[in-house]
Amino acid sequence: TEPLDQEPVASTAMSADDSLWIRRA
């Protein structure tokens, strides 16, 4: 039901773009 490679939730101090960029990496 859930993939093993869950994307971590980034800190709210980052911009949404930065957060998404780091989560994808």
PDB file of all heavy atoms in Angstrom:
ATOM      1  N   THR A   1       0.817  -1.204   0.000  1.00  0.00           N
ATOM      2  CA  THR A   1       0.000   0.000   0.000  1.00  0.00           C
ATOM      3  C   THR A   1       0.853   1.257   0.000  1.00  0.00           C
ATOM      4  O   THR A   1       0.364   2.323  -0.317  1.00  0.00           O
ATOM      5  CB  THR A   1      -0.909   0.049   1.243  1.00  0.00           C
ATOM      6  OG1 THR A   1      -0.099   0.029   2.411  1.00  0.00           O
ATOM      7  CG2 THR A   1      -1.892  -1.105   1.243  1.00  0.00           C
ATOM      8  N   GLU A   2       2.115   1.108   0.362  1.00  0.00           N
ATOM      9  CA  GLU A   2       2.974   2.263   0.498  1.00  0.00           C
ATOM     10  C   GLU A   2       4.351   1.897  -0.038  1.00  0.00           C
ATOM     11  O   GLU A   2       4.915   0.890   0.349  1.00  0.00           O
ATOM     12  CB  GLU A   2       3.085   2.578   1.996  1.00  0.00           C
ATOM     13  CG  GLU A   2       3.255   3.992   2.348  1.00  0.00           C
ATOM     14  CD  GLU A   2       3.176   4.172   3.849  1.00  0.00           C
ATOM     15  OE1 GLU A   2       4.091   3.750   4.548  1.00  0.00           O
ATOM     16  OE2 GLU A   2       2.183   4.733   4.307  1.00  0.00           O
ATOM     17  N   PRO A   3       4.939   2.697  -0.925  1.00  0.00           N
ATOM     18  CA  PRO A   3       6.270   2.364  -1.418  1.00  0.00           C
ATOM     19  C   PRO A   3       7.311   2.490  -0.312  1.00  0.00           C
ATOM     20  O   PRO A   3       7.158   3.289   0.609  1.00  0.00           O
ATOM     21  CB  PRO A   3       6.520   3.389  -2.523  1.00  0.00           C
ATOM     22  CG  PRO A   3       5.558   4.486  -2.258  1.00  0.00           C
ATOM     23  CD  PRO A   3       4.398   3.880  -1.521  1.00  0.00           C
ATOM     24  N   LEU A   4       8.369   1.687  -0.410  1.00  0.00           N
ATOM     25  CA  LEU A   4       9.419   1.724   0.593  1.00  0.00           C
ATOM     26  C   LEU A   4      10.216   3.009   0.545  1.00  0.00           C
ATOM     27  O   LEU A   4      10.798   3.423   1.525  1.00  0.00           O
ATOM     28  CB  LEU A   4      10.385   0.537   0.390  1.00  0.00           C
ATOM     29  CG  LEU A   4       9.820  -0.814   0.771  1.00  0.00           C
ATOM     30  CD1 LEU A   4      10.832  -1.899   0.479  1.00  0.00           C
ATOM     31  CD2 LEU A   4       9.444  -0.851   2.234  1.00  0.00           C
ATOM     32  N   ASP A   5      10.275   3.629  -0.603  1.00  0.00           N
ATOM     33  CA  ASP A   5      11.111   4.813  -0.726  1.00  0.00           C
ATOM     34  C   ASP A   5      10.301   6.083  -0.504  1.00  0.00           C
ATOM     35  O   ASP A   5      10.236   6.955  -1.355  1.00  0.00           O
ATOM     36  CB  ASP A   5      11.810   4.846  -2.075  1.00  0.00           C
ATOM     37  CG  ASP A   5      10.831   4.806  -3.241  1.00  0.00           C
ATOM     38  OD1 ASP A   5       9.644   4.499  -3.027  1.00  0.00           O
ATOM     39  OD2 ASP A   5      11.253   5.087  -4.349  1.00  0.00           O
ATOM     40  N   GLN A   6       9.698   6.186   0.656  1.00  0.00           N
ATOM     41  CA  GLN A   6       8.926   7.372   0.987  1.00  0.00           C
ATOM     42  C   GLN A   6       9.837   8.587   0.948  1.00  0.00           C
ATOM     43  O   GLN A   6      10.964   8.547   1.402  1.00  0.00           O
ATOM     44  CB  GLN A   6       8.336   7.240   2.395  1.00  0.00           C
ATOM     45  CG  GLN A   6       7.214   6.278   2.474  1.00  0.00           C
ATOM     46  CD  GLN A   6       6.022   6.756   1.697  1.00  0.00           C
ATOM     47  OE1 GLN A   6       5.661   7.915   1.756  1.00  0.00           O
ATOM     48  NE2 GLN A   6       5.413   5.881   0.944  1.00  0.00           N
ATOM     49  N   GLU A   7       9.322   9.689   0.435  1.00  0.00           N
ATOM     50  CA  GLU A   7      10.082  10.917   0.420  1.00  0.00           C
ATOM     51  C   GLU A   7       9.990  11.547   1.798  1.00  0.00           C
ATOM     52  O   GLU A   7       8.909  11.716   2.343  1.00  0.00           O
ATOM     53  CB  GLU A   7       9.523  11.881  -0.618  1.00  0.00           C
ATOM     54  CG  GLU A   7       9.701  11.392  -2.032  1.00  0.00           C
ATOM     55  CD  GLU A   7       9.142  12.369  -3.041  1.00  0.00           C
ATOM     56  OE1 GLU A   7       8.814  13.510  -2.668  1.00  0.00           O
ATOM     57  OE2 GLU A   7       9.049  11.972  -4.198  1.00  0.00           O
ATOM     58  N   PRO A   8      11.129  11.917   2.367  1.00  0.00           N
ATOM     59  CA  PRO A   8      11.095  12.584   3.665  1.00  0.00           C
ATOM     60  C   PRO A   8      10.419  13.943   3.554  1.00  0.00           C
ATOM     61  O   PRO A   8      10.461  14.582   2.510  1.00  0.00           O
ATOM     62  CB  PRO A   8      12.577  12.763   4.022  1.00  0.00           C
ATOM     63  CG  PRO A   8      13.324  11.916   3.072  1.00  0.00           C
ATOM     64  CD  PRO A   8      12.454  11.678   1.883  1.00  0.00           C
ATOM     65  N   VAL A   9       9.817  14.359   4.634  1.00  0.00           N
ATOM     66  CA  VAL A   9       9.194  15.667   4.661  1.00  0.00           C
ATOM     67  C   VAL A   9      10.264  16.658   5.073  1.00  0.00           C
ATOM     68  O   VAL A   9      10.902  16.512   6.112  1.00  0.00           O
ATOM     69  CB  VAL A   9       8.017  15.693   5.663  1.00  0.00           C
ATOM     70  CG1 VAL A   9       7.431  17.077   5.770  1.00  0.00           C
ATOM     71  CG2 VAL A   9       6.979  14.682   5.235  1.00  0.00           C
ATOM     72  N   ALA A  10      10.478  17.648   4.272  1.00  0.00           N
ATOM     73  CA  ALA A  10      11.534  18.620   4.523  1.00  0.00           C
ATOM     74  C   ALA A  10      11.095  19.638   5.569  1.00  0.00           C
ATOM     75  O   ALA A  10       9.915  19.799   5.856  1.00  0.00           O
ATOM     76  CB  ALA A  10      11.897  19.326   3.227  1.00  0.00           C
ATOM     77  N   SER A  11      12.057  20.334   6.094  1.00  0.00           N
ATOM     78  CA  SER A  11      11.797  21.380   7.075  1.00  0.00           C
ATOM     79  C   SER A  11      10.932  22.473   6.465  1.00  0.00           C
ATOM     80  O   SER A  11      11.053  22.805   5.297  1.00  0.00           O
ATOM     81  CB  SER A  11      13.133  21.964   7.534  1.00  0.00           C
ATOM     82  OG  SER A  11      12.918  23.127   8.277  1.00  0.00           O
ATOM     83  N   THR A  12      10.080  23.080   7.265  1.00  0.00           N
ATOM     84  CA  THR A  12       9.199  24.136   6.772  1.00  0.00           C
ATOM     85  C   THR A  12       9.954  25.433   6.556  1.00  0.00           C
ATOM     86  O   THR A  12       9.403  26.368   5.993  1.00  0.00           O
ATOM     87  CB  THR A  12       8.037  24.373   7.751  1.00  0.00           C
ATOM     88  OG1 THR A  12       8.587  24.686   9.036  1.00  0.00           O
ATOM     89  CG2 THR A  12       7.134  23.168   7.841  1.00  0.00           C
ATOM     90  N   ALA A  13      11.227  25.513   6.996  1.00  0.00           N
ATOM     91  CA  ALA A  13      12.006  26.728   6.821  1.00  0.00           C
ATOM     92  C   ALA A  13      12.461  26.908   5.372  1.00  0.00           C
ATOM     93  O   ALA A  13      12.849  27.986   4.974  1.00  0.00           O
ATOM     94  CB  ALA A  13      13.215  26.705   7.751  1.00  0.00           C
ATOM     95  N   MET A  14      12.421  25.862   4.569  1.00  0.00           N
ATOM     96  CA  MET A  14      12.838  25.941   3.177  1.00  0.00           C
ATOM     97  C   MET A  14      11.681  26.394   2.300  1.00  0.00           C
ATOM     98  O   MET A  14      10.525  26.201   2.641  1.00  0.00           O
ATOM     99  CB  MET A  14      13.268  24.559   2.680  1.00  0.00           C
ATOM    100  CG  MET A  14      14.577  24.097   3.178  1.00  0.00           C
ATOM    101  SD  MET A  14      14.971  22.573   2.321  1.00  0.00           S
ATOM    102  CE  MET A  14      15.242  21.526   3.700  1.00  0.00           C
ATOM    103  N   SER A  15      12.055  26.947   1.152  1.00  0.00           N
ATOM    104  CA  SER A  15      11.012  27.281   0.186  1.00  0.00           C
ATOM    105  C   SER A  15      10.458  25.980  -0.379  1.00  0.00           C
ATOM    106  O   SER A  15      11.095  24.934  -0.305  1.00  0.00           O
ATOM    107  CB  SER A  15      11.582  28.142  -0.937  1.00  0.00           C
ATOM    108  OG  SER A  15      12.373  27.350  -1.802  1.00  0.00           O
ATOM    109  N   ALA A  16       9.293  26.050  -0.976  1.00  0.00           N
ATOM    110  CA  ALA A  16       8.672  24.856  -1.555  1.00  0.00           C
ATOM    111  C   ALA A  16       9.532  24.288  -2.675  1.00  0.00           C
ATOM    112  O   ALA A  16       9.669  23.071  -2.802  1.00  0.00           O
ATOM    113  CB  ALA A  16       7.281  25.182  -2.063  1.00  0.00           C
ATOM    114  N   ASP A  17      10.141  25.145  -3.483  1.00  0.00           N
ATOM    115  CA  ASP A  17      11.007  24.682  -4.573  1.00  0.00           C
ATOM    116  C   ASP A  17      12.226  23.943  -4.035  1.00  0.00           C
ATOM    117  O   ASP A  17      12.585  22.873  -4.523  1.00  0.00           O
ATOM    118  CB  ASP A  17      11.480  25.853  -5.442  1.00  0.00           C
ATOM    119  CG  ASP A  17      10.363  26.432  -6.299  1.00  0.00           C
ATOM    120  OD1 ASP A  17       9.329  25.751  -6.463  1.00  0.00           O
ATOM    121  OD2 ASP A  17      10.535  27.566  -6.788  1.00  0.00           O
ATOM    122  N   ASP A  18      12.866  24.528  -3.023  1.00  0.00           N
ATOM    123  CA  ASP A  18      14.048  23.893  -2.432  1.00  0.00           C
ATOM    124  C   ASP A  18      13.680  22.555  -1.805  1.00  0.00           C
ATOM    125  O   ASP A  18      14.397  21.570  -1.944  1.00  0.00           O
ATOM    126  CB  ASP A  18      14.679  24.788  -1.364  1.00  0.00           C
ATOM    127  CG  ASP A  18      15.373  26.003  -1.955  1.00  0.00           C
ATOM    128  OD1 ASP A  18      15.669  25.986  -3.176  1.00  0.00           O
ATOM    129  OD2 ASP A  18      15.626  26.954  -1.200  1.00  0.00           O
ATOM    130  N   SER A  19      12.558  22.548  -1.106  1.00  0.00           N
ATOM    131  CA  SER A  19      12.104  21.339  -0.450  1.00  0.00           C
ATOM    132  C   SER A  19      11.864  20.225  -1.466  1.00  0.00           C
ATOM    133  O   SER A  19      12.316  19.090  -1.283  1.00  0.00           O
ATOM    134  CB  SER A  19      10.824  21.629   0.324  1.00  0.00           C
ATOM    135  OG  SER A  19      10.296  20.454   0.867  1.00  0.00           O
ATOM    136  N   LEU A  20      11.179  20.545  -2.531  1.00  0.00           N
ATOM    137  CA  LEU A  20      10.890  19.561  -3.571  1.00  0.00           C
ATOM    138  C   LEU A  20      12.166  19.078  -4.242  1.00  0.00           C
ATOM    139  O   LEU A  20      12.334  17.887  -4.498  1.00  0.00           O
ATOM    140  CB  LEU A  20       9.930  20.154  -4.605  1.00  0.00           C
ATOM    141  CG  LEU A  20       9.442  19.219  -5.700  1.00  0.00           C
ATOM    142  CD1 LEU A  20       8.729  18.013  -5.102  1.00  0.00           C
ATOM    143  CD2 LEU A  20       8.507  19.961  -6.642  1.00  0.00           C
ATOM    144  N   TRP A  21      13.074  19.979  -4.510  1.00  0.00           N
ATOM    145  CA  TRP A  21      14.355  19.656  -5.137  1.00  0.00           C
ATOM    146  C   TRP A  21      15.141  18.667  -4.279  1.00  0.00           C
ATOM    147  O   TRP A  21      15.638  17.658  -4.763  1.00  0.00           O
ATOM    148  CB  TRP A  21      15.118  20.961  -5.348  1.00  0.00           C
ATOM    149  CG  TRP A  21      16.433  20.856  -6.039  1.00  0.00           C
ATOM    150  CD1 TRP A  21      16.695  20.267  -7.239  1.00  0.00           C
ATOM    151  CD2 TRP A  21      17.671  21.377  -5.570  1.00  0.00           C
ATOM    152  NE1 TRP A  21      18.022  20.394  -7.550  1.00  0.00           N
ATOM    153  CE2 TRP A  21      18.646  21.082  -6.541  1.00  0.00           C
ATOM    154  CE3 TRP A  21      18.050  22.075  -4.430  1.00  0.00           C
ATOM    155  CZ2 TRP A  21      19.973  21.454  -6.398  1.00  0.00           C
ATOM    156  CZ3 TRP A  21      19.377  22.453  -4.303  1.00  0.00           C
ATOM    157  CH2 TRP A  21      20.316  22.136  -5.278  1.00  0.00           C
ATOM    158  N   ILE A  22      15.213  18.935  -2.972  1.00  0.00           N
ATOM    159  CA  ILE A  22      15.954  18.064  -2.063  1.00  0.00           C
ATOM    160  C   ILE A  22      15.228  16.734  -1.878  1.00  0.00           C
ATOM    161  O   ILE A  22      15.849  15.670  -1.861  1.00  0.00           O
ATOM    162  CB  ILE A  22      16.197  18.772  -0.715  1.00  0.00           C
ATOM    163  CG1 ILE A  22      17.187  19.922  -0.933  1.00  0.00           C
ATOM    164  CG2 ILE A  22      16.710  17.798   0.338  1.00  0.00           C
ATOM    165  CD1 ILE A  22      17.356  20.839   0.242  1.00  0.00           C
ATOM    166  N   ARG A  23      13.911  16.761  -1.759  1.00  0.00           N
ATOM    167  CA  ARG A  23      13.144  15.522  -1.596  1.00  0.00           C
ATOM    168  C   ARG A  23      13.339  14.590  -2.793  1.00  0.00           C
ATOM    169  O   ARG A  23      13.479  13.382  -2.635  1.00  0.00           O
ATOM    170  CB  ARG A  23      11.665  15.834  -1.397  1.00  0.00           C
ATOM    171  CG  ARG A  23      11.400  16.475  -0.035  1.00  0.00           C
ATOM    172  CD  ARG A  23      10.038  17.066   0.050  1.00  0.00           C
ATOM    173  NE  ARG A  23       9.025  16.041   0.186  1.00  0.00           N
ATOM    174  CZ  ARG A  23       7.740  16.299   0.164  1.00  0.00           C
ATOM    175  NH1 ARG A  23       7.302  17.522   0.015  1.00  0.00           N
ATOM    176  NH2 ARG A  23       6.869  15.322   0.310  1.00  0.00           N
ATOM    177  N   ARG A  24      13.324  15.164  -3.989  1.00  0.00           N
ATOM    178  CA  ARG A  24      13.538  14.344  -5.185  1.00  0.00           C
ATOM    179  C   ARG A  24      14.935  13.739  -5.198  1.00  0.00           C
ATOM    180  O   ARG A  24      15.109  12.581  -5.561  1.00  0.00           O
ATOM    181  CB  ARG A  24      13.318  15.178  -6.441  1.00  0.00           C
ATOM    182  CG  ARG A  24      11.870  15.466  -6.723  1.00  0.00           C
ATOM    183  CD  ARG A  24      11.714  16.292  -7.976  1.00  0.00           C
ATOM    184  NE  ARG A  24      10.313  16.545  -8.259  1.00  0.00           N
ATOM    185  CZ  ARG A  24       9.891  17.508  -9.029  1.00  0.00           C
ATOM    186  NH1 ARG A  24      10.742  18.331  -9.624  1.00  0.00           N
ATOM    187  NH2 ARG A  24       8.599  17.676  -9.239  1.00  0.00           N
ATOM    188  N   ALA A  25      15.923  14.521  -4.818  1.00  0.00           N
ATOM    189  CA  ALA A  25      17.292  14.015  -4.781  1.00  0.00           C
ATOM    190  C   ALA A  25      17.437  12.919  -3.719  1.00  0.00           C
ATOM    191  O   ALA A  25      18.061  11.884  -3.968  1.00  0.00           O
ATOM    192  CB  ALA A  25      18.274  15.154  -4.508  1.00  0.00           C
TER     193      ALA A  25
END
